[in-house]
PDB file of N, CA and C in Angstrom:
ATOM      1  N   MET A   1       4.483 -13.544   8.076  1.00  0.00           N
ATOM      2  CA  MET A   1       5.012 -12.112   7.287  1.00  0.00           C
ATOM      3  C   MET A   1       5.752 -12.692   6.094  1.00  0.00           C
ATOM      4  N   PRO A   2       5.612 -11.965   5.170  1.00  0.00           N
ATOM      5  CA  PRO A   2       6.233 -12.151   3.867  1.00  0.00           C
ATOM      6  C   PRO A   2       7.708 -12.264   3.947  1.00  0.00           C
ATOM      7  N   ALA A   3       8.605 -12.895   2.842  1.00  0.00           N
ATOM      8  CA  ALA A   3      10.096 -13.039   3.086  1.00  0.00           C
ATOM      9  C   ALA A   3      10.458 -11.906   2.520  1.00  0.00           C
ATOM     10  N   HIS A   4       9.900 -11.134   1.782  1.00  0.00           N
ATOM     11  CA  HIS A   4      10.221  -9.891   1.193  1.00  0.00           C
ATOM     12  C   HIS A   4       9.834  -8.509   2.081  1.00  0.00           C
ATOM     13  N   SER A   5      10.126  -7.166   1.825  1.00  0.00           N
ATOM     14  CA  SER A   5       9.751  -6.209   2.528  1.00  0.00           C
ATOM     15  C   SER A   5       9.197  -5.441   1.343  1.00  0.00           C
ATOM     16  N   CYS A   6       8.048  -4.561   1.782  1.00  0.00           N
ATOM     17  CA  CYS A   6       7.461  -3.486   0.979  1.00  0.00           C
ATOM     18  C   CYS A   6       7.737  -2.173   1.603  1.00  0.00           C
ATOM     19  N   ALA A   7       7.755  -1.326   0.675  1.00  0.00           N
ATOM     20  CA  ALA A   7       7.867   0.335   1.405  1.00  0.00           C
ATOM     21  C   ALA A   7       7.566   1.425   0.159  1.00  0.00           C
ATOM     22  N   VAL A   8       7.309   2.745   1.071  1.00  0.00           N
ATOM     23  CA  VAL A   8       6.701   3.397  -0.049  1.00  0.00           C
ATOM     24  C   VAL A   8       8.017   4.347  -0.379  1.00  0.00           C
ATOM     25  N   MET A   9       8.101   4.598  -1.736  1.00  0.00           N
ATOM     26  CA  MET A   9       9.186   5.221  -2.311  1.00  0.00           C
ATOM     27  C   MET A   9       9.184   6.947  -1.728  1.00  0.00           C
ATOM     28  N   ALA A  10       9.907   7.249  -1.004  1.00  0.00           N
ATOM     29  CA  ALA A  10      10.369   8.246  -0.536  1.00  0.00           C
ATOM     30  C   ALA A  10      10.516   9.905  -1.665  1.00  0.00           C
ATOM     31  N   THR A  11       9.894  10.891  -1.737  1.00  0.00           N
ATOM     32  CA  THR A  11      10.472  11.732  -2.600  1.00  0.00           C
ATOM     33  C   THR A  11      10.275  13.046  -2.055  1.00  0.00           C
ATOM     34  N   THR A  12      10.786  14.180  -2.202  1.00  0.00           N
ATOM     35  CA  THR A  12      10.556  15.427  -1.768  1.00  0.00           C
ATOM     36  C   THR A  12       9.819  16.237  -2.860  1.00  0.00           C
ATOM     37  N   ASN A  13       9.408  15.623  -3.984  1.00  0.00           N
ATOM     38  CA  ASN A  13       8.522  16.446  -5.011  1.00  0.00           C
ATOM     39  C   ASN A  13       7.346  15.681  -4.835  1.00  0.00           C
ATOM     40  N   ARG A  14       6.370  16.683  -4.310  1.00  0.00           N
ATOM     41  CA  ARG A  14       4.923  16.062  -3.933  1.00  0.00           C
ATOM     42  C   ARG A  14       4.388  15.836  -5.313  1.00  0.00           C
ATOM     43  N   ASP A  15       4.904  16.339  -6.454  1.00  0.00           N
ATOM     44  CA  ASP A  15       4.112  16.099  -7.534  1.00  0.00           C
ATOM     45  C   ASP A  15       4.248  14.659  -8.079  1.00  0.00           C
ATOM     46  N   HIS A  16       5.167  14.018  -7.620  1.00  0.00           N
ATOM     47  CA  HIS A  16       5.419  12.583  -7.852  1.00  0.00           C
ATOM     48  C   HIS A  16       4.744  11.583  -7.103  1.00  0.00           C
ATOM     49  N   THR A  17       4.137  11.976  -6.100  1.00  0.00           N
ATOM     50  CA  THR A  17       3.358  11.033  -5.075  1.00  0.00           C
ATOM     51  C   THR A  17       1.868  11.433  -4.830  1.00  0.00           C
ATOM     52  N   MET A  18       1.439  10.464  -4.508  1.00  0.00           N
ATOM     53  CA  MET A  18      -0.051  10.840  -4.204  1.00  0.00           C
ATOM     54  C   MET A  18      -0.439  10.083  -2.881  1.00  0.00           C
ATOM     55  N   ALA A  19      -0.939  10.663  -1.847  1.00  0.00           N
ATOM     56  CA  ALA A  19      -1.665  10.165  -0.478  1.00  0.00           C
ATOM     57  C   ALA A  19      -0.162   9.720   0.301  1.00  0.00           C
ATOM     58  N   ASP A  20      -0.609   9.736   1.526  1.00  0.00           N
ATOM     59  CA  ASP A  20       0.454   9.141   2.375  1.00  0.00           C
ATOM     60  C   ASP A  20       0.238   7.963   3.209  1.00  0.00           C
ATOM     61  N   PRO A  21       0.929   6.852   3.280  1.00  0.00           N
ATOM     62  CA  PRO A  21       0.641   5.747   4.262  1.00  0.00           C
ATOM     63  C   PRO A  21       0.388   6.281   5.632  1.00  0.00           C
ATOM     64  N   ILE A  22      -0.506   5.641   6.187  1.00  0.00           N
ATOM     65  CA  ILE A  22      -1.179   5.950   7.517  1.00  0.00           C
ATOM     66  C   ILE A  22      -1.190   4.803   8.383  1.00  0.00           C
ATOM     67  N   PRO A  23      -0.963   5.102   9.691  1.00  0.00           N
ATOM     68  CA  PRO A  23      -1.276   3.762  10.765  1.00  0.00           C
ATOM     69  C   PRO A  23      -2.635   3.702  10.720  1.00  0.00           C
ATOM     70  N   PHE A  24      -3.036   2.419  11.167  1.00  0.00           N
ATOM     71  CA  PHE A  24      -4.607   2.026  11.452  1.00  0.00           C
ATOM     72  C   PHE A  24      -4.836   1.148  12.179  1.00  0.00           C
ATOM     73  N   ASP A  25      -5.928   0.799  12.692  1.00  0.00           N
ATOM     74  CA  ASP A  25      -6.336   0.007  13.927  1.00  0.00           C
ATOM     75  C   ASP A  25      -6.162  -1.462  13.143  1.00  0.00           C
ATOM     76  N   GLY A  26      -5.392  -2.327  13.514  1.00  0.00           N
ATOM     77  CA  GLY A  26      -5.391  -3.679  12.998  1.00  0.00           C
ATOM     78  C   GLY A  26      -4.072  -3.941  12.416  1.00  0.00           C
ATOM     79  N   GLN A  27      -3.480  -2.988  12.325  1.00  0.00           N
ATOM     80  CA  GLN A  27      -2.142  -3.147  11.764  1.00  0.00           C
ATOM     81  C   GLN A  27      -0.943  -3.854  12.141  1.00  0.00           C
ATOM     82  N   THR A  28      -0.531  -4.888  11.685  1.00  0.00           N
ATOM     83  CA  THR A  28       0.434  -5.892  12.185  1.00  0.00           C
ATOM     84  C   THR A  28       1.828  -5.629  12.273  1.00  0.00           C
ATOM     85  N   ALA A  29       2.338  -4.713  11.178  1.00  0.00           N
ATOM     86  CA  ALA A  29       3.593  -4.531  10.865  1.00  0.00           C
ATOM     87  C   ALA A  29       4.109  -2.985  10.421  1.00  0.00           C
ATOM     88  N   VAL A  30       5.109  -2.716  10.113  1.00  0.00           N
ATOM     89  CA  VAL A  30       5.484  -1.500   9.312  1.00  0.00           C
ATOM     90  C   VAL A  30       6.710  -2.195   8.503  1.00  0.00           C
ATOM     91  N   PHE A  31       6.317  -2.223   7.188  1.00  0.00           N
ATOM     92  CA  PHE A  31       7.309  -2.437   6.268  1.00  0.00           C
ATOM     93  C   PHE A  31       8.253  -1.428   6.065  1.00  0.00           C
ATOM     94  N   GLY A  32       9.721  -1.705   5.757  1.00  0.00           N
ATOM     95  CA  GLY A  32      10.842  -0.804   5.578  1.00  0.00           C
ATOM     96  C   GLY A  32      11.266  -0.914   4.202  1.00  0.00           C
ATOM     97  N   ALA A  33      12.363  -0.224   3.953  1.00  0.00           N
ATOM     98  CA  ALA A  33      13.262  -0.303   2.680  1.00  0.00           C
ATOM     99  C   ALA A  33      13.618  -1.651   2.391  1.00  0.00           C
ATOM    100  N   PRO A  34      13.455  -2.302   0.952  1.00  0.00           N
ATOM    101  CA  PRO A  34      13.834  -3.745   0.713  1.00  0.00           C
ATOM    102  C   PRO A  34      15.249  -3.822   0.858  1.00  0.00           C
ATOM    103  N   LYS A  35      15.818  -4.829   1.026  1.00  0.00           N
ATOM    104  CA  LYS A  35      17.283  -5.188   0.776  1.00  0.00           C
ATOM    105  C   LYS A  35      17.928  -4.482  -0.247  1.00  0.00           C
ATOM    106  N   GLY A  36      19.058  -3.728   0.031  1.00  0.00           N
ATOM    107  CA  GLY A  36      19.722  -2.692  -1.394  1.00  0.00           C
ATOM    108  C   GLY A  36      19.283  -1.764  -1.796  1.00  0.00           C
ATOM    109  N   MET A  37      18.142  -1.211  -0.957  1.00  0.00           N
ATOM    110  CA  MET A  37      17.648   0.333  -1.362  1.00  0.00           C
ATOM    111  C   MET A  37      17.898   1.134   0.056  1.00  0.00           C
ATOM    112  N   PRO A  38      18.695   2.314  -0.163  1.00  0.00           N
ATOM    113  CA  PRO A  38      18.770   3.074   0.783  1.00  0.00           C
ATOM    114  C   PRO A  38      17.423   3.612   1.292  1.00  0.00           C
ATOM    115  N   LYS A  39      17.489   3.413   2.822  1.00  0.00           N
ATOM    116  CA  LYS A  39      16.469   4.060   3.857  1.00  0.00           C
ATOM    117  C   LYS A  39      16.036   5.303   3.352  1.00  0.00           C
ATOM    118  N   GLU A  40      16.941   6.311   2.874  1.00  0.00           N
ATOM    119  CA  GLU A  40      16.461   7.542   2.803  1.00  0.00           C
ATOM    120  C   GLU A  40      15.526   7.655   1.299  1.00  0.00           C
ATOM    121  N   ASP A  41      15.591   6.535   0.689  1.00  0.00           N
ATOM    122  CA  ASP A  41      14.509   6.455  -0.352  1.00  0.00           C
ATOM    123  C   ASP A  41      13.434   5.759  -0.271  1.00  0.00           C
ATOM    124  N   CYS A  42      13.230   5.445   1.108  1.00  0.00           N
ATOM    125  CA  CYS A  42      11.713   5.081   1.444  1.00  0.00           C
ATOM    126  C   CYS A  42      11.185   5.438   2.749  1.00  0.00           C
ATOM    127  N   ILE A  43       9.742   5.543   2.948  1.00  0.00           N
ATOM    128  CA  ILE A  43       9.142   5.435   4.271  1.00  0.00           C
ATOM    129  C   ILE A  43       8.557   4.383   4.640  1.00  0.00           C
ATOM    130  N   GLY A  44       8.345   4.174   6.000  1.00  0.00           N
ATOM    131  CA  GLY A  44       7.610   2.934   6.281  1.00  0.00           C
ATOM    132  C   GLY A  44       6.095   2.952   5.983  1.00  0.00           C
ATOM    133  N   LEU A  45       5.768   1.460   5.751  1.00  0.00           N
ATOM    134  CA  LEU A  45       4.432   1.462   5.183  1.00  0.00           C
ATOM    135  C   LEU A  45       3.627   0.415   6.331  1.00  0.00           C
ATOM    136  N   PRO A  46       2.766   0.929   7.084  1.00  0.00           N
ATOM    137  CA  PRO A  46       1.847   0.184   7.969  1.00  0.00           C
ATOM    138  C   PRO A  46       1.036  -0.671   7.496  1.00  0.00           C
ATOM    139  N   VAL A  47       1.041  -1.910   7.727  1.00  0.00           N
ATOM    140  CA  VAL A  47       0.268  -2.797   7.073  1.00  0.00           C
ATOM    141  C   VAL A  47      -0.319  -3.933   8.028  1.00  0.00           C
ATOM    142  N   ARG A  48      -1.244  -4.443   7.513  1.00  0.00           N
ATOM    143  CA  ARG A  48      -1.985  -5.707   8.230  1.00  0.00           C
ATOM    144  C   ARG A  48      -1.872  -6.968   7.297  1.00  0.00           C
ATOM    145  N   THR A  49      -1.454  -8.018   7.841  1.00  0.00           N
ATOM    146  CA  THR A  49      -1.226  -9.263   6.885  1.00  0.00           C
ATOM    147  C   THR A  49      -2.129 -10.235   7.274  1.00  0.00           C
ATOM    148  N   GLY A  50      -2.633 -11.241   6.650  1.00  0.00           N
ATOM    149  CA  GLY A  50      -3.584 -12.032   7.109  1.00  0.00           C
ATOM    150  C   GLY A  50      -3.827 -12.974   5.831  1.00  0.00           C
ATOM    151  N   VAL A  51      -4.857 -13.801   6.032  1.00  0.00           N
ATOM    152  CA  VAL A  51      -5.287 -14.755   4.709  1.00  0.00           C
ATOM    153  C   VAL A  51      -6.760 -13.804   4.012  1.00  0.00           C
ATOM    154  N   LEU A  52      -6.485 -13.881   2.899  1.00  0.00           N
ATOM    155  CA  LEU A  52      -7.526 -13.499   2.114  1.00  0.00           C
ATOM    156  C   LEU A  52      -8.226 -14.700   1.060  1.00  0.00           C
ATOM    157  N   GLN A  53      -9.247 -14.612   1.222  1.00  0.00           N
ATOM    158  CA  GLN A  53     -10.079 -15.486   0.300  1.00  0.00           C
ATOM    159  C   GLN A  53     -10.135 -14.902  -1.310  1.00  0.00           C
ATOM    160  N   CYS A  54      -9.849 -15.693  -2.198  1.00  0.00           N
ATOM    161  CA  CYS A  54      -9.629 -14.907  -3.688  1.00  0.00           C
ATOM    162  C   CYS A  54     -11.076 -15.318  -3.984  1.00  0.00           C
ATOM    163  N   PRO A  55     -11.763 -14.605  -4.982  1.00  0.00           N
ATOM    164  CA  PRO A  55     -12.815 -15.096  -5.960  1.00  0.00           C
ATOM    165  C   PRO A  55     -13.107 -16.528  -6.268  1.00  0.00           C
ATOM    166  N   SER A  56     -11.940 -17.031  -6.584  1.00  0.00           N
ATOM    167  CA  SER A  56     -12.081 -18.622  -6.808  1.00  0.00           C
ATOM    168  C   SER A  56     -12.216 -19.317  -5.579  1.00  0.00           C
ATOM    169  N   GLY A  57     -12.109 -19.058  -4.461  1.00  0.00           N
ATOM    170  CA  GLY A  57     -12.162 -19.700  -3.066  1.00  0.00           C
ATOM    171  C   GLY A  57     -10.791 -20.207  -2.601  1.00  0.00           C
ATOM    172  N   ARG A  58      -9.825 -19.778  -3.407  1.00  0.00           N
ATOM    173  CA  ARG A  58      -8.616 -20.230  -3.199  1.00  0.00           C
ATOM    174  C   ARG A  58      -8.135 -19.160  -1.875  1.00  0.00           C
ATOM    175  N   HIS A  59      -7.278 -19.342  -0.846  1.00  0.00           N
ATOM    176  CA  HIS A  59      -6.961 -18.548   0.010  1.00  0.00           C
ATOM    177  C   HIS A  59      -5.447 -18.172  -0.007  1.00  0.00           C
ATOM    178  N   ASP A  60      -5.007 -17.225  -0.055  1.00  0.00           N
ATOM    179  CA  ASP A  60      -3.918 -16.638  -0.012  1.00  0.00           C
ATOM    180  C   ASP A  60      -3.148 -15.439   1.143  1.00  0.00           C
ATOM    181  N   LEU A  61      -1.902 -15.285   1.043  1.00  0.00           N
ATOM    182  CA  LEU A  61      -1.576 -14.191   2.010  1.00  0.00           C
ATOM    183  C   LEU A  61      -2.094 -12.565   1.304  1.00  0.00           C
ATOM    184  N   GLY A  62      -2.723 -12.010   2.238  1.00  0.00           N
ATOM    185  CA  GLY A  62      -3.311 -10.716   1.978  1.00  0.00           C
ATOM    186  C   GLY A  62      -2.304  -9.692   2.812  1.00  0.00           C
ATOM    187  N   ILE A  63      -1.941  -8.478   2.159  1.00  0.00           N
ATOM    188  CA  ILE A  63      -1.131  -7.506   2.938  1.00  0.00           C
ATOM    189  C   ILE A  63      -1.614  -6.271   2.440  1.00  0.00           C
ATOM    190  N   ALA A  64      -2.731  -5.750   3.325  1.00  0.00           N
ATOM    191  CA  ALA A  64      -3.570  -4.429   3.252  1.00  0.00           C
ATOM    192  C   ALA A  64      -2.617  -3.246   3.767  1.00  0.00           C
ATOM    193  N   SER A  65      -2.862  -2.064   3.557  1.00  0.00           N
ATOM    194  CA  SER A  65      -2.233  -0.758   3.773  1.00  0.00           C
ATOM    195  C   SER A  65      -3.459   0.163   3.743  1.00  0.00           C
ATOM    196  N   GLN A  66      -3.291   1.339   4.317  1.00  0.00           N
ATOM    197  CA  GLN A  66      -4.395   2.651   4.229  1.00  0.00           C
ATOM    198  C   GLN A  66      -3.546   3.821   3.966  1.00  0.00           C
ATOM    199  N   TRP A  67      -4.384   4.633   3.173  1.00  0.00           N
ATOM    200  CA  TRP A  67      -3.448   5.853   2.582  1.00  0.00           C
ATOM    201  C   TRP A  67      -4.544   7.024   2.616  1.00  0.00           C
ATOM    202  N   LYS A  68      -4.153   8.263   3.100  1.00  0.00           N
ATOM    203  CA  LYS A  68      -4.805   9.393   3.254  1.00  0.00           C
ATOM    204  C   LYS A  68      -4.419  10.509   2.286  1.00  0.00           C
ATOM    205  N   LEU A  69      -5.468  10.834   1.310  1.00  0.00           N
ATOM    206  CA  LEU A  69      -5.429  11.693   0.151  1.00  0.00           C
ATOM    207  C   LEU A  69      -5.433  13.135   0.963  1.00  0.00           C
ATOM    208  N   THR A  70      -4.711  14.177   0.297  1.00  0.00           N
ATOM    209  CA  THR A  70      -4.920  15.338   0.591  1.00  0.00           C
ATOM    210  C   THR A  70      -6.185  16.067   0.106  1.00  0.00           C
ATOM    211  N   PRO A  71      -6.917  17.121   0.346  1.00  0.00           N
ATOM    212  CA  PRO A  71      -8.157  17.752  -0.335  1.00  0.00           C
ATOM    213  C   PRO A  71      -7.799  17.682  -2.094  1.00  0.00           C
ATOM    214  N   ASP A  72      -6.647  18.334  -2.275  1.00  0.00           N
ATOM    215  CA  ASP A  72      -6.198  18.553  -3.963  1.00  0.00           C
ATOM    216  C   ASP A  72      -6.223  17.291  -4.410  1.00  0.00           C
ATOM    217  N   GLU A  73      -5.739  15.956  -3.839  1.00  0.00           N
ATOM    218  CA  GLU A  73      -5.658  14.779  -4.322  1.00  0.00           C
ATOM    219  C   GLU A  73      -6.904  14.310  -4.528  1.00  0.00           C
ATOM    220  N   LEU A  74      -8.011  14.485  -3.596  1.00  0.00           N
ATOM    221  CA  LEU A  74      -9.054  13.929  -3.704  1.00  0.00           C
ATOM    222  C   LEU A  74     -10.032  14.728  -4.663  1.00  0.00           C
ATOM    223  N   ALA A  75      -9.636  16.138  -5.057  1.00  0.00           N
ATOM    224  CA  ALA A  75     -10.355  16.961  -6.048  1.00  0.00           C
ATOM    225  C   ALA A  75      -9.856  16.133  -7.535  1.00  0.00           C
ATOM    226  N   GLU A  76      -8.745  15.791  -7.545  1.00  0.00           N
ATOM    227  CA  GLU A  76      -8.126  15.310  -8.923  1.00  0.00           C
ATOM    228  C   GLU A  76      -8.990  13.988  -9.021  1.00  0.00           C
ATOM    229  N   VAL A  77      -8.722  13.124  -8.182  1.00  0.00           N
ATOM    230  CA  VAL A  77      -9.461  11.905  -8.399  1.00  0.00           C
ATOM    231  C   VAL A  77     -10.773  11.848  -8.558  1.00  0.00           C
ATOM    232  N   ALA A  78     -11.553  12.753  -8.073  1.00  0.00           N
ATOM    233  CA  ALA A  78     -12.930  12.968  -8.359  1.00  0.00           C
ATOM    234  C   ALA A  78     -13.301  13.882  -9.913  1.00  0.00           C
ATOM    235  N   ARG A  79     -12.087  14.141 -10.312  1.00  0.00           N
ATOM    236  CA  ARG A  79     -12.147  15.020 -11.716  1.00  0.00           C
ATOM    237  C   ARG A  79     -11.904  14.039 -12.596  1.00  0.00           C
ATOM    238  N   THR A  80     -10.872  13.035 -12.537  1.00  0.00           N
ATOM    239  CA  THR A  80     -10.980  12.156 -13.443  1.00  0.00           C
ATOM    240  C   THR A  80     -11.181  10.835 -13.206  1.00  0.00           C
ATOM    241  N   GLY A  81     -11.386  10.213 -11.966  1.00  0.00           N
ATOM    242  CA  GLY A  81     -11.624   8.981 -11.569  1.00  0.00           C
ATOM    243  C   GLY A  81     -10.478   8.149 -11.899  1.00  0.00           C
ATOM    244  N   ILE A  82      -9.495   8.552 -11.580  1.00  0.00           N
ATOM    245  CA  ILE A  82      -8.117   7.851 -11.880  1.00  0.00           C
ATOM    246  C   ILE A  82      -7.172   7.564 -10.825  1.00  0.00           C
ATOM    247  N   ILE A  83      -6.905   6.539 -10.414  1.00  0.00           N
ATOM    248  CA  ILE A  83      -5.706   6.496  -9.517  1.00  0.00           C
ATOM    249  C   ILE A  83      -4.426   5.474 -10.216  1.00  0.00           C
ATOM    250  N   HIS A  84      -3.161   6.249 -10.274  1.00  0.00           N
ATOM    251  CA  HIS A  84      -2.039   5.530 -10.963  1.00  0.00           C
ATOM    252  C   HIS A  84      -1.336   4.852 -10.030  1.00  0.00           C
ATOM    253  N   ILE A  85      -1.093   3.353  -9.991  1.00  0.00           N
ATOM    254  CA  ILE A  85      -0.290   2.698  -9.216  1.00  0.00           C
ATOM    255  C   ILE A  85       0.915   2.197  -9.759  1.00  0.00           C
ATOM    256  N   THR A  86       2.106   2.428  -9.139  1.00  0.00           N
ATOM    257  CA  THR A  86       3.315   2.210  -9.415  1.00  0.00           C
ATOM    258  C   THR A  86       4.053   1.318  -8.600  1.00  0.00           C
ATOM    259  N   CYS A  87       4.476   0.031  -8.997  1.00  0.00           N
ATOM    260  CA  CYS A  87       5.234  -0.935  -8.153  1.00  0.00           C
ATOM    261  C   CYS A  87       6.801  -0.886  -8.386  1.00  0.00           C
ATOM    262  N   VAL A  88       7.591  -0.665  -7.415  1.00  0.00           N
ATOM    263  CA  VAL A  88       9.167  -0.791  -7.863  1.00  0.00           C
ATOM    264  C   VAL A  88       9.514  -2.144  -7.546  1.00  0.00           C
ATOM    265  N   GLY A  89       9.924  -2.763  -8.712  1.00  0.00           N
ATOM    266  CA  GLY A  89      10.436  -4.126  -8.506  1.00  0.00           C
ATOM    267  C   GLY A  89       9.284  -5.124  -9.398  1.00  0.00           C
ATOM    268  N   VAL A  90       9.136  -6.401  -8.548  1.00  0.00           N
ATOM    269  CA  VAL A  90       8.241  -7.259  -9.275  1.00  0.00           C
ATOM    270  C   VAL A  90       6.866  -6.771  -8.894  1.00  0.00           C
ATOM    271  N   GLN A  91       6.002  -6.914  -9.887  1.00  0.00           N
ATOM    272  CA  GLN A  91       4.435  -6.642  -9.905  1.00  0.00           C
ATOM    273  C   GLN A  91       3.713  -7.676  -8.977  1.00  0.00           C
ATOM    274  N   PRO A  92       3.108  -7.408  -7.977  1.00  0.00           N
ATOM    275  CA  PRO A  92       2.385  -8.338  -7.396  1.00  0.00           C
ATOM    276  C   PRO A  92       1.049  -8.180  -7.524  1.00  0.00           C
ATOM    277  N   PRO A  93      -0.018  -9.287  -7.651  1.00  0.00           N
ATOM    278  CA  PRO A  93      -1.277  -9.146  -7.628  1.00  0.00           C
ATOM    279  C   PRO A  93      -1.830  -8.025  -6.655  1.00  0.00           C
ATOM    280  N   MET A  94      -2.494  -7.084  -7.405  1.00  0.00           N
ATOM    281  CA  MET A  94      -3.054  -5.917  -6.296  1.00  0.00           C
ATOM    282  C   MET A  94      -4.444  -5.727  -6.466  1.00  0.00           C
ATOM    283  N   MET A  95      -5.254  -5.083  -5.315  1.00  0.00           N
ATOM    284  CA  MET A  95      -6.473  -4.636  -5.424  1.00  0.00           C
ATOM    285  C   MET A  95      -6.571  -3.168  -4.787  1.00  0.00           C
ATOM    286  N   VAL A  96      -7.471  -2.478  -5.370  1.00  0.00           N
ATOM    287  CA  VAL A  96      -7.773  -1.171  -4.938  1.00  0.00           C
ATOM    288  C   VAL A  96      -9.183  -0.940  -4.728  1.00  0.00           C
ATOM    289  N   THR A  97      -9.249  -0.783  -3.200  1.00  0.00           N
ATOM    290  CA  THR A  97     -10.710  -0.776  -2.767  1.00  0.00           C
ATOM    291  C   THR A  97     -11.212   0.615  -1.880  1.00  0.00           C
ATOM    292  N   ALA A  98     -12.468   1.000  -1.654  1.00  0.00           N
ATOM    293  CA  ALA A  98     -12.743   2.224  -0.951  1.00  0.00           C
ATOM    294  C   ALA A  98     -12.848   1.688   0.534  1.00  0.00           C
ATOM    295  N   THR A  99     -13.126   0.457   0.787  1.00  0.00           N
ATOM    296  CA  THR A  99     -13.327  -0.123   2.121  1.00  0.00           C
ATOM    297  C   THR A  99     -12.325  -0.992   2.555  1.00  0.00           C
ATOM    298  N   PRO A 100     -12.048  -1.320   3.618  1.00  0.00           N
ATOM    299  CA  PRO A 100     -11.036  -2.363   4.026  1.00  0.00           C
ATOM    300  C   PRO A 100     -11.897  -3.798   3.510  1.00  0.00           C
ATOM    301  N   VAL A 101     -10.645  -4.588   3.055  1.00  0.00           N
ATOM    302  CA  VAL A 101     -10.906  -6.139   2.945  1.00  0.00           C
ATOM    303  C   VAL A 101     -10.628  -6.866   3.992  1.00  0.00           C
ATOM    304  N   ALA A 102     -11.677  -7.731   4.093  1.00  0.00           N
ATOM    305  CA  ALA A 102     -11.773  -8.726   5.304  1.00  0.00           C
ATOM    306  C   ALA A 102     -10.371  -9.624   5.260  1.00  0.00           C
ATOM    307  N   LEU A 103      -9.569  -9.574   6.052  1.00  0.00           N
ATOM    308  CA  LEU A 103      -8.297 -10.642   6.211  1.00  0.00           C
ATOM    309  C   LEU A 103      -8.170 -11.242   7.421  1.00  0.00           C
ATOM    310  N   ARG A 104      -8.427 -12.630   7.449  1.00  0.00           N
ATOM    311  CA  ARG A 104      -8.271 -13.481   8.847  1.00  0.00           C
ATOM    312  C   ARG A 104      -6.878 -13.729   9.145  1.00  0.00           C
ATOM    313  N   SER A 105      -6.650 -13.698  10.504  1.00  0.00           N
ATOM    314  CA  SER A 105      -5.380 -14.130  11.052  1.00  0.00           C
ATOM    315  C   SER A 105      -4.904 -15.461  10.968  1.00  0.00           C
TER     316      SER A 105
END
């Protein structure tokens, strides 16, 4: 498990969020609010941690999550072809995929 925590910013304004993190088969943890952030500002993020093989052949820690879009969100993504991702704090290397990425235990 990484030394830091990850979580999803909670908001009562649905216009500023897209999709909801969902539990999934193979998840290994639920990340909560990082140190110093009030718990009411975050909701839990179900994740699976494991080893990811990078395109260069190097192996690194991978952290995967799954998200469920509403019908309106799906329609907007289909219309624009764009998903916006915002990280709070330091920007880690990221991948966005339509299918699960293979992570080894």
